[in-house]
Structure formats: C-alpha cells, structure tokens
Amino acid sequence: MELPVLEPVVLRVAVGVVSVALLVRGRQIWKLAIAAPGILLGVALGVAFAQWWPLPGAGGLVAAGVLGLAGAVAAWMVERAAVVLAGATAGALLGLLLVPFTGAWWAPLVGLFAGGVLGPWVYRAMVPVFSAGIGAAGVAWAAAWPRTAIVLGALAAFGLAVQLMSGRGAEDEDDD
C-alpha cells in the first residue's frame, strides 16, 4: 500500500475545503482540527507499517485506522497539556514581572497556579479567532490570493463574524 501523490490542484482544493470549514465553522469542528495531525501521522505510520510487514487482507487498512485513532487521542491529550502549560507559564511570567513593583516574592507561584487554571478557559474563548486566522491563511493559499495583511484580515474578520453569529462552539462546551 502506498501513499497517494496529490497533484497541486487536488492539494489546493483539499486545503481550500478544509480551510473554508475552519474559517466559518472553526469553533464547531475545533476538536477535529486538533486531531487531524495525529490522524494523518497515525495513518501514515499504518501505511508504512503495512509496507514493512505485509498483513493479509485488509490488515494494512486496519493498522492505518487503529494508528490514526491513536494519533487523534494523542493529539487531544497533547493539546490539553500544552494549553495548561502555556497558561501556567504565562501566569508565572506575569507574576515575575510584578515582583519588582509589589515586592511579593510569591507572585510567580500565584501566577503559575492562576494561569494553569485560567489558561484553558482563555484558550477556548479564543478558538474562533484562531480558527478564523488559520482558515483565512489556508483559503488565501488555496485560491492563490496574495497573503497580505488586508486580504488575511478581511477573510479572518469575515470568518470570525460568521462563527460568532452561529450556534454553540468549543468554548460553550462543559467537557472540562
């Protein structure tokens, strides 16, 4: 089993479709977008595994599917840990900046804890902004438009407006 070679037009269309989905529905499909790299890596490893050790029947396809699912789970876990770590780091750095002004040696510790707790909440609230920006860059690339600040800003603003006017999203879920 070999990975297919994508022609440039097919690749641009595929990136364009995914980018439009992220642009206007990013907060609804954010978990899928986070899982996508893990899925792709898992499937690629499954295909490579099937080439190294041929499996009978649909064994290679099953291996690719199982590894793709494992990759999705790993990507979700890494994302959650990274968000908490980034929030804790930002909070600790903010606390460290406050020490000279307040004299409170413990400010970085409070910032570390507060950032770790608040980081995921801030991240979920920013999902529409992130997905609109990523979608805008992908749409501009797929359409071969100039990737200037005006083009990217207009596309991102359009995507953000659509997402904010639409229904529930990632930041509305109570899964934490």
Protein backbone atom coordinates (compact mmCIF):
# COMPACT_ATOMS: atom_id res chain seq x y z
CA MET A 1 0.00 0.00 0.00
CA GLU A 2 1.44 3.39 -0.98
CA LEU A 3 0.50 6.91 -0.02
CA PRO A 4 -1.12 8.67 -2.97
CA VAL A 5 0.76 11.52 -4.60
CA LEU A 6 -1.51 14.55 -4.75
CA GLU A 7 -1.45 16.82 -7.74
CA PRO A 8 -1.07 20.52 -6.91
CA VAL A 9 -4.67 21.32 -7.95
CA VAL A 10 -6.11 18.49 -5.86
CA LEU A 11 -3.99 19.61 -2.91
CA ARG A 12 -5.18 23.22 -3.25
CA VAL A 13 -8.81 22.11 -3.46
CA ALA A 14 -8.41 19.88 -0.39
CA VAL A 15 -6.69 22.63 1.60
CA GLY A 16 -9.34 25.09 0.39
CA VAL A 17 -12.25 22.92 1.55
CA VAL A 18 -10.72 22.31 4.99
CA SER A 19 -9.75 25.99 5.29
CA VAL A 20 -13.26 27.23 4.45
CA ALA A 21 -14.64 24.84 7.08
CA LEU A 22 -12.19 26.22 9.66
CA LEU A 23 -12.88 29.80 8.57
CA VAL A 24 -16.65 29.70 9.06
CA ARG A 25 -17.21 26.72 11.38
CA GLY A 26 -13.93 26.52 13.28
CA ARG A 27 -15.39 26.59 16.76
CA GLN A 28 -17.78 23.75 15.92
CA ILE A 29 -15.10 21.50 14.40
CA TRP A 30 -12.12 22.55 16.54
CA LYS A 31 -11.63 19.13 18.15
CA LEU A 32 -11.44 17.55 14.70
CA ALA A 33 -8.92 20.18 13.63
CA ILE A 34 -6.77 19.41 16.67
CA ALA A 35 -6.97 15.67 15.96
CA ALA A 36 -6.16 15.98 12.24
CA PRO A 37 -2.35 15.98 12.53
CA GLY A 38 -2.49 12.95 14.83
CA ILE A 39 -4.83 11.14 12.47
CA LEU A 40 -2.59 11.87 9.47
CA LEU A 41 0.54 10.77 11.32
CA GLY A 42 -1.16 7.59 12.52
CA VAL A 43 -2.44 6.71 9.06
CA ALA A 44 0.99 7.40 7.54
CA LEU A 45 2.60 5.13 10.16
CA GLY A 46 -0.01 2.46 9.45
CA VAL A 47 0.74 2.61 5.73
CA ALA A 48 4.48 2.43 6.41
CA PHE A 49 3.92 -0.47 8.82
CA ALA A 50 1.94 -2.33 6.13
CA GLN A 51 4.84 -1.84 3.69
CA TRP A 52 7.43 -3.18 6.16
CA TRP A 53 5.35 -6.10 7.33
CA PRO A 54 2.61 -7.02 4.83
CA LEU A 55 -0.62 -8.01 6.54
CA PRO A 56 -3.21 -10.30 4.95
CA GLY A 57 -6.42 -8.90 3.52
CA ALA A 58 -7.37 -5.52 4.87
CA GLY A 59 -4.81 -5.73 7.70
CA GLY A 60 -2.89 -2.70 6.44
CA LEU A 61 -6.07 -0.66 6.32
CA VAL A 62 -6.99 -1.77 9.85
CA ALA A 63 -3.50 -0.90 11.10
CA ALA A 64 -3.75 2.55 9.50
CA GLY A 65 -7.18 3.10 11.07
CA VAL A 66 -6.12 1.99 14.55
CA LEU A 67 -2.95 4.09 14.45
CA GLY A 68 -4.95 7.04 13.10
CA LEU A 69 -7.35 6.79 16.05
CA ALA A 70 -4.42 6.53 18.47
CA GLY A 71 -2.89 9.60 16.84
CA ALA A 72 -6.13 11.54 17.33
CA VAL A 73 -6.25 10.67 21.03
CA ALA A 74 -2.59 11.59 21.44
CA ALA A 75 -3.14 14.94 19.71
CA TRP A 76 -6.06 15.78 22.02
CA MET A 77 -4.01 14.87 25.09
CA VAL A 78 -1.01 16.90 23.94
CA GLU A 79 -3.25 19.89 23.16
CA ARG A 80 -4.82 19.87 26.63
CA ALA A 81 -1.45 19.57 28.36
CA ALA A 82 0.08 22.28 26.17
CA VAL A 83 -2.74 24.72 26.92
CA VAL A 84 -2.41 24.22 30.68
CA LEU A 85 1.39 24.51 30.47
CA ALA A 86 1.21 27.66 28.32
CA GLY A 87 -1.30 29.26 30.72
CA ALA A 88 0.81 28.37 33.75
CA THR A 89 3.96 29.72 32.09
CA ALA A 90 2.24 32.97 31.09
CA GLY A 91 0.85 33.40 34.59
CA ALA A 92 4.22 32.75 36.24
CA LEU A 93 5.94 35.21 33.90
CA LEU A 94 3.32 37.85 34.61
CA GLY A 95 3.82 37.26 38.35
CA LEU A 96 7.58 37.52 37.89
CA LEU A 97 7.12 40.88 36.17
CA LEU A 98 5.06 42.10 39.14
CA VAL A 99 7.65 41.20 41.82
CA PRO A 100 9.74 44.41 41.43
CA PHE A 101 6.61 46.55 41.74
CA THR A 102 4.86 44.69 44.55
CA GLY A 103 7.71 43.08 46.45
CA ALA A 104 5.60 39.91 46.63
CA TRP A 105 8.10 37.09 46.12
CA TRP A 106 5.20 34.63 45.85
CA ALA A 107 3.54 36.40 42.87
CA PRO A 108 5.06 33.97 40.29
CA LEU A 109 3.64 31.00 42.24
CA VAL A 110 0.17 32.55 42.32
CA GLY A 111 0.52 33.39 38.61
CA LEU A 112 1.60 29.83 37.85
CA PHE A 113 -1.49 28.38 39.53
CA ALA A 114 -3.92 31.00 38.18
CA GLY A 115 -2.54 30.71 34.65
CA GLY A 116 -2.83 26.93 34.71
CA VAL A 117 -6.45 27.16 35.81
CA LEU A 118 -7.47 30.07 33.57
CA GLY A 119 -5.39 29.10 30.51
CA PRO A 120 -7.85 26.52 29.13
CA TRP A 121 -10.77 28.92 29.58
CA VAL A 122 -8.97 31.72 27.73
CA TYR A 123 -7.92 29.27 25.02
CA ARG A 124 -11.48 28.03 24.43
CA ALA A 125 -12.72 31.61 24.26
CA MET A 126 -10.10 32.35 21.57
CA VAL A 127 -10.89 29.32 19.37
CA PRO A 128 -12.98 31.37 16.89
CA VAL A 129 -10.10 33.84 16.47
CA PHE A 130 -7.51 31.07 15.99
CA SER A 131 -9.63 29.07 13.56
CA ALA A 132 -10.62 32.14 11.54
CA GLY A 133 -6.97 33.14 11.19
CA ILE A 134 -5.83 29.64 10.21
CA GLY A 135 -8.77 29.28 7.82
CA ALA A 136 -8.04 32.68 6.23
CA ALA A 137 -4.40 31.74 5.58
CA GLY A 138 -5.45 28.40 4.06
CA VAL A 139 -8.13 29.95 1.84
CA ALA A 140 -5.70 32.60 0.60
CA TRP A 141 -3.11 29.95 -0.21
CA ALA A 142 -5.60 27.61 -1.88
CA ALA A 143 -7.04 30.40 -4.02
CA ALA A 144 -3.53 31.72 -4.82
CA TRP A 145 -4.51 35.12 -3.46
CA PRO A 146 -1.86 37.46 -2.17
CA ARG A 147 -1.32 36.80 1.51
CA THR A 148 -1.24 40.41 2.55
CA ALA A 149 -2.47 41.79 5.86
CA ILE A 150 -5.54 43.27 4.15
CA VAL A 151 -6.58 40.02 2.45
CA LEU A 152 -5.90 37.85 5.50
CA GLY A 153 -7.50 40.39 7.85
CA ALA A 154 -10.64 40.68 5.72
CA LEU A 155 -11.01 36.90 5.40
CA ALA A 156 -10.38 36.37 9.12
CA ALA A 157 -12.86 39.12 10.08
CA PHE A 158 -15.48 37.54 7.82
CA GLY A 159 -14.87 34.09 9.30
CA LEU A 160 -14.92 35.40 12.86
CA ALA A 161 -18.19 37.25 12.24
CA VAL A 162 -19.81 34.11 10.80
CA GLN A 163 -18.61 32.00 13.72
CA LEU A 164 -19.79 34.48 16.34
CA MET A 165 -23.23 34.72 14.72
CA SER A 166 -23.61 30.94 14.52
CA GLY A 167 -24.56 28.49 17.26
CA ARG A 168 -22.66 26.69 20.00
CA GLY A 169 -18.96 26.11 19.77
CA ALA A 170 -15.98 24.73 21.60
CA GLU A 171 -15.97 27.48 24.22
CA ASP A 172 -19.61 26.73 25.14
CA GLU A 173 -19.00 23.07 25.95
CA ASP A 174 -18.78 21.91 29.54
CA ASP A 175 -16.42 18.99 28.98
CA ASP A 176 -13.69 20.03 31.42
